[in-house]
Amino acid sequence: MFKIGSHVSISGGLLGAAKEAYSYGANTFMIYTGAPQNTKRSPLEKLKIKEGQAFMAAHDLSDIVVHAPYIINLASPKEETYALAKEFLALELERTEAIGSNYLVLHPGSFTTQTYAYGIERIAAALNEVLTPTQKPILCLETMAGKGSEIGRSFEELRDILDRVEYKDKLGICFDTCHLHDSGYNIINDFDKLLEYFDALIGLDKLKVVHLNGSLNVCGAKKDRHANLGADETNPRGADQIGKEALYAIAHHPALEGKPIILETPWLDAKTNLYKEEIAFLREGLK
């Protein structure tokens, strides 16, 4: 089954999120369980979980994704930040399971004033403390664009984390097409080779979720600026440097079949996004 959706708001609880996704023509979606920039969270009983799950069942919405907030930095050298990151990640895993999602996507972390080696050990130690053999959601480490000191800029860096974690079966990977492109991977012309390399290094069985986004930057720019799929220079948010053809081919690649594909493309303004049009394009194909 082709699973396509977008990031949607949790402000109306799971029911509101499901209704928003359905309005775009989606059959899956991604949410944050609260604001991505802070730790404020509504109690689970206020998230209309049962109502949302009933709406999803009635409208063929399934296999939804939760994204962890950006404030979780498991590589931080600051003890207060590090302790908060571990505590909040454990809480988000619990909330992800309560919502009924199998996947929690996480940015691995940034080592800031320290070194890569320090950051890797810090992340692995935190995951070994937080992950449990009985948890249901898979924690999916996201491929990153390479800004500053962030970790996850290459498959090798993600493998460095996996190699150090005890409960490897509780970890997966989330591809982000903008991040892969911006970090230097040629997803436009060599996606098959990229998948072969990933399979050899980590294993395709670890690829659980895909964020499908265009990029405002040339390959290898290391800037992480998302673009609408195939947007040209008339788009107010800028032109896409990956292109519709490549992104459509990636979305429909046999290796990604059945995996949740999530759009995080820019809103044109505070009230307007292109999710409905982009989902329709990915369903109907190039014209």
Protein backbone atom coordinates (compact mmCIF):
# COMPACT_ATOMS: atom_id res chain seq x y z
CA MET A 1 0.00 0.00 0.00
CA PHE A 2 1.16 3.52 -0.82
CA LYS A 3 1.14 5.42 2.49
CA ILE A 4 1.27 9.18 2.05
CA GLY A 5 0.53 12.04 4.43
CA SER A 6 1.93 15.16 6.01
CA HIS A 7 2.65 16.81 9.30
CA VAL A 8 -0.65 17.93 10.89
CA SER A 9 -1.56 19.85 14.03
CA ILE A 10 -2.34 18.19 17.36
CA SER A 11 -4.15 21.29 18.65
CA GLY A 12 -7.51 19.50 18.22
CA GLY A 13 -6.18 16.28 19.66
CA LEU A 14 -5.75 13.08 17.66
CA LEU A 15 -9.27 13.52 16.29
CA GLY A 16 -8.45 16.97 14.91
CA ALA A 17 -5.18 15.70 13.47
CA ALA A 18 -6.91 12.79 11.73
CA LYS A 19 -9.59 15.07 10.28
CA GLU A 20 -6.96 17.49 8.97
CA ALA A 21 -5.01 14.65 7.35
CA TYR A 22 -8.17 13.26 5.75
CA SER A 23 -8.96 16.69 4.29
CA TYR A 24 -5.65 16.54 2.40
CA GLY A 25 -6.42 13.12 0.90
CA ALA A 26 -3.87 11.39 3.14
CA ASN A 27 -3.96 7.85 4.51
CA THR A 28 -1.30 8.45 7.18
CA PHE A 29 0.11 11.50 8.98
CA MET A 30 2.68 12.79 11.45
CA ILE A 31 2.17 14.78 14.65
CA TYR A 32 4.11 16.26 17.52
CA THR A 33 2.41 15.46 20.84
CA GLY A 34 2.78 19.15 21.73
CA ALA A 35 4.77 22.18 20.62
CA PRO A 36 8.09 21.04 19.07
CA GLN A 37 10.01 23.88 20.73
CA ASN A 38 9.13 23.22 24.37
CA THR A 39 8.14 20.60 26.95
CA LYS A 40 4.55 21.77 27.51
CA ARG A 41 2.22 18.83 26.93
CA SER A 42 -1.52 18.38 27.34
CA PRO A 43 -2.57 15.36 29.43
CA LEU A 44 -3.29 12.30 27.32
CA GLU A 45 -6.93 12.32 28.39
CA LYS A 46 -7.37 15.64 26.59
CA LEU A 47 -5.99 14.41 23.26
CA LYS A 48 -9.21 12.68 22.10
CA ILE A 49 -7.28 9.50 21.37
CA LYS A 50 -10.21 7.07 21.21
CA GLU A 51 -12.22 9.45 19.04
CA GLY A 52 -9.24 9.96 16.76
CA GLN A 53 -8.58 6.25 16.44
CA ALA A 54 -12.25 5.64 15.59
CA PHE A 55 -12.14 8.32 12.87
CA MET A 56 -8.93 6.82 11.50
CA ALA A 57 -10.44 3.34 11.34
CA ALA A 58 -13.50 4.68 9.52
CA HIS A 59 -11.46 6.67 6.99
CA ASP A 60 -8.53 4.33 6.22
CA LEU A 61 -5.89 6.32 8.10
CA SER A 62 -3.17 4.20 9.69
CA ASP A 63 0.52 3.73 10.56
CA ILE A 64 0.89 7.27 11.87
CA VAL A 65 4.18 8.82 12.99
CA VAL A 66 5.12 10.95 16.00
CA HIS A 67 8.05 13.38 15.88
CA ALA A 68 10.04 14.14 19.03
CA PRO A 69 10.50 17.84 19.89
CA TYR A 70 13.62 19.64 18.71
CA ILE A 71 14.63 20.51 22.26
CA ILE A 72 15.75 16.92 22.91
CA ASN A 73 19.53 16.95 22.51
CA LEU A 74 21.06 13.65 23.57
CA ALA A 75 24.56 14.85 22.65
CA SER A 76 24.51 17.97 24.82
CA PRO A 77 27.51 18.52 27.14
CA LYS A 78 25.27 20.50 29.53
CA GLU A 79 24.12 18.18 32.30
CA GLU A 80 20.78 19.91 32.83
CA THR A 81 19.98 19.78 29.10
CA TYR A 82 21.12 16.16 28.88
CA ALA A 83 19.03 15.07 31.87
CA LEU A 84 15.96 16.83 30.47
CA ALA A 85 16.51 15.21 27.06
CA LYS A 86 16.55 11.70 28.52
CA GLU A 87 13.55 12.33 30.76
CA PHE A 88 11.50 13.90 28.00
CA LEU A 89 12.41 11.25 25.41
CA ALA A 90 11.16 8.54 27.78
CA LEU A 91 7.92 10.49 28.22
CA GLU A 92 7.49 10.93 24.46
CA LEU A 93 7.92 7.20 23.91
CA GLU A 94 5.11 6.60 26.40
CA ARG A 95 2.89 9.18 24.69
CA THR A 96 3.68 7.72 21.27
CA GLU A 97 2.52 4.30 22.44
CA ALA A 98 -0.62 5.73 24.06
CA ILE A 99 -1.55 7.48 20.80
CA GLY A 100 -1.16 4.21 18.92
CA SER A 101 1.87 5.05 16.80
CA ASN A 102 4.67 2.60 16.04
CA TYR A 103 7.29 5.27 15.31
CA LEU A 104 8.89 8.18 17.17
CA VAL A 105 11.28 10.16 14.94
CA LEU A 106 14.24 11.82 16.66
CA HIS A 107 17.03 14.19 15.60
CA PRO A 108 20.04 12.40 17.13
CA GLY A 109 21.64 15.49 18.70
CA SER A 110 24.40 18.13 18.45
CA PHE A 111 27.70 17.99 20.33
CA THR A 112 28.02 21.85 20.33
CA THR A 113 31.29 22.73 22.13
CA GLN A 114 32.56 19.14 22.30
CA THR A 115 33.70 16.62 19.67
CA TYR A 116 31.96 14.10 17.44
CA ALA A 117 33.35 11.21 19.50
CA TYR A 118 31.97 12.79 22.66
CA GLY A 119 28.57 13.31 21.05
CA ILE A 120 28.29 9.71 19.81
CA GLU A 121 29.08 8.27 23.23
CA ARG A 122 26.66 10.69 24.86
CA ILE A 123 23.80 9.71 22.53
CA ALA A 124 24.45 5.99 22.89
CA ALA A 125 24.61 6.22 26.69
CA ALA A 126 21.29 8.08 26.76
CA LEU A 127 19.60 5.56 24.47
CA ASN A 128 20.90 2.67 26.56
CA GLU A 129 19.31 4.34 29.57
CA VAL A 130 15.97 5.19 27.94
CA LEU A 131 15.21 2.27 25.60
CA THR A 132 13.61 -0.82 27.10
CA PRO A 133 13.09 -4.36 25.78
CA THR A 134 9.32 -4.06 26.26
CA GLN A 135 8.63 -0.72 24.55
CA LYS A 136 6.41 -0.92 21.48
CA PRO A 137 7.33 2.17 19.40
CA ILE A 138 10.50 2.11 17.31
CA LEU A 139 12.73 5.14 17.86
CA CYS A 140 13.73 6.32 14.37
CA LEU A 141 16.94 8.33 14.08
CA GLU A 142 16.57 10.92 11.33
CA THR A 143 19.16 11.57 8.63
CA MET A 144 20.44 15.12 9.12
CA ALA A 145 21.61 17.83 6.71
CA GLY A 146 25.00 18.52 8.29
CA LYS A 147 24.48 21.91 9.93
CA GLY A 148 27.03 22.82 12.59
CA SER A 149 27.75 20.01 15.03
CA GLU A 150 24.63 17.91 14.46
CA ILE A 151 25.10 14.13 14.33
CA GLY A 152 23.43 11.93 11.73
CA ARG A 153 24.98 13.63 8.68
CA SER A 154 25.91 10.31 7.13
CA PHE A 155 24.94 6.67 7.29
CA GLU A 156 28.26 6.00 9.00
CA GLU A 157 27.31 8.34 11.86
CA LEU A 158 23.96 6.63 12.30
CA ARG A 159 25.69 3.25 12.33
CA ASP A 160 28.09 4.54 14.99
CA ILE A 161 25.06 5.07 17.22
CA LEU A 162 23.45 1.74 16.38
CA ASP A 163 26.67 -0.14 17.08
CA ARG A 164 26.72 1.20 20.64
CA VAL A 165 23.08 0.60 21.58
CA GLU A 166 22.01 -2.57 23.38
CA TYR A 167 18.41 -2.84 22.19
CA LYS A 168 19.07 -2.43 18.49
CA ASP A 169 15.66 -3.84 17.61
CA LYS A 170 14.10 -0.73 19.18
CA LEU A 171 15.94 1.60 16.77
CA GLY A 172 15.13 2.45 13.16
CA ILE A 173 16.01 5.14 10.62
CA CYS A 174 13.97 7.94 9.09
CA PHE A 175 15.13 9.21 5.69
CA ASP A 176 14.61 12.93 5.04
CA THR A 177 15.11 13.69 1.33
CA CYS A 178 16.02 17.35 1.91
CA HIS A 179 18.54 16.37 4.57
CA LEU A 180 20.05 13.59 2.44
CA HIS A 181 20.41 15.98 -0.50
CA ASP A 182 21.81 18.82 1.61
CA SER A 183 24.28 16.50 3.34
CA GLY A 184 25.73 15.49 -0.03
CA TYR A 185 23.95 12.31 -1.13
CA ASN A 186 22.96 12.25 -4.81
CA ILE A 187 19.33 11.24 -4.41
CA ILE A 188 18.42 12.71 -7.81
CA ASN A 189 20.49 10.38 -9.99
CA ASP A 190 21.82 7.67 -7.68
CA PHE A 191 19.03 6.74 -5.26
CA ASP A 192 19.39 3.05 -6.09
CA LYS A 193 23.09 3.14 -5.21
CA LEU A 194 22.29 5.06 -2.03
CA LEU A 195 19.85 2.34 -0.98
CA GLU A 196 22.39 -0.38 -1.79
CA TYR A 197 24.99 1.36 0.35
CA PHE A 198 22.54 1.92 3.19
CA ASP A 199 21.52 -1.74 3.04
CA ALA A 200 25.13 -2.89 3.20
CA LEU A 201 26.00 -0.52 6.06
CA ILE A 202 22.84 -0.57 8.21
CA GLY A 203 20.17 -2.72 6.52
CA LEU A 204 17.00 -1.75 4.68
CA ASP A 205 14.98 -3.43 7.41
CA LYS A 206 15.96 -0.48 9.63
CA LEU A 207 14.37 2.09 7.28
CA LYS A 208 10.94 2.73 8.81
CA VAL A 209 9.79 6.26 7.84
CA VAL A 210 10.46 8.75 5.02
CA HIS A 211 10.18 12.55 5.17
CA LEU A 212 9.64 13.63 1.57
CA ASN A 213 10.74 17.22 1.03
CA GLY A 214 12.28 19.33 -1.69
CA SER A 215 15.34 21.47 -0.97
CA LEU A 216 16.15 25.12 -1.60
CA ASN A 217 19.85 24.25 -1.78
CA VAL A 218 22.32 22.57 -4.07
CA CYS A 219 23.49 19.09 -3.14
CA GLY A 220 25.97 19.21 -0.26
CA ALA A 221 25.04 22.71 0.95
CA LYS A 222 24.51 21.47 4.54
CA LYS A 223 21.80 24.06 5.20
CA ASP A 224 18.50 22.16 5.73
CA ARG A 225 15.95 24.41 4.02
CA HIS A 226 12.87 22.54 2.83
CA ALA A 227 11.08 23.37 -0.44
CA ASN A 228 7.73 22.44 -1.92
CA LEU A 229 7.90 19.49 -4.29
CA GLY A 230 9.17 20.68 -7.68
CA ALA A 231 8.54 24.36 -6.86
CA ASP A 232 9.90 26.88 -9.38
CA GLU A 233 11.07 30.46 -8.87
CA THR A 234 7.48 31.74 -8.70
CA ASN A 235 6.91 29.90 -5.41
CA PRO A 236 7.07 32.42 -2.52
CA ARG A 237 9.14 29.95 -0.49
CA GLY A 238 11.70 29.39 -3.26
CA ALA A 239 12.57 26.87 -5.98
CA ASP A 240 13.15 23.19 -5.32
CA GLN A 241 16.61 21.93 -6.32
CA ILE A 242 15.67 18.22 -6.19
CA GLY A 243 12.70 18.23 -8.56
CA LYS A 244 9.33 16.53 -8.93
CA GLU A 245 10.60 13.67 -11.05
CA ALA A 246 13.21 12.56 -8.51
CA LEU A 247 10.89 12.96 -5.53
CA TYR A 248 8.07 11.05 -7.24
CA ALA A 249 10.47 8.24 -8.15
CA ILE A 250 11.72 8.06 -4.55
CA ALA A 251 8.18 7.98 -3.13
CA HIS A 252 7.29 5.07 -5.40
CA HIS A 253 10.54 3.14 -5.13
CA PRO A 254 9.84 -0.55 -4.44
CA ALA A 255 12.15 -0.49 -1.41
CA LEU A 256 9.91 2.10 0.27
CA GLU A 257 6.62 0.33 -0.40
CA GLY A 258 4.36 0.28 2.65
CA LYS A 259 6.46 2.74 4.66
CA PRO A 260 4.83 5.98 5.90
CA ILE A 261 5.89 8.85 3.62
CA ILE A 262 5.44 12.21 5.30
CA LEU A 263 5.52 15.69 3.76
CA GLU A 264 7.12 18.49 5.78
CA THR A 265 7.06 20.97 2.91
CA PRO A 266 6.72 24.70 3.67
CA TRP A 267 3.47 26.54 4.19
CA LEU A 268 3.10 29.41 1.71
CA ASP A 269 1.80 31.65 4.50
CA ALA A 270 0.19 31.28 7.93
CA LYS A 271 -3.01 29.82 6.45
CA THR A 272 -1.94 28.11 3.22
CA ASN A 273 -0.09 24.88 2.51
CA LEU A 274 0.19 22.66 -0.55
CA TYR A 275 -0.29 19.31 1.18
CA LYS A 276 -3.50 18.44 -0.68
CA GLU A 277 -1.94 19.28 -4.07
CA GLU A 278 1.34 17.52 -3.27
CA ILE A 279 -0.41 14.37 -2.05
CA ALA A 280 -2.57 14.34 -5.18
CA PHE A 281 0.56 14.67 -7.33
CA LEU A 282 2.23 11.77 -5.55
CA ARG A 283 -0.86 9.63 -6.03
CA GLU A 284 -1.63 10.55 -9.63
CA GLY A 285 1.86 10.95 -11.04
CA LEU A 286 3.63 13.28 -13.40
CA LYS A 287 1.49 15.06 -15.99
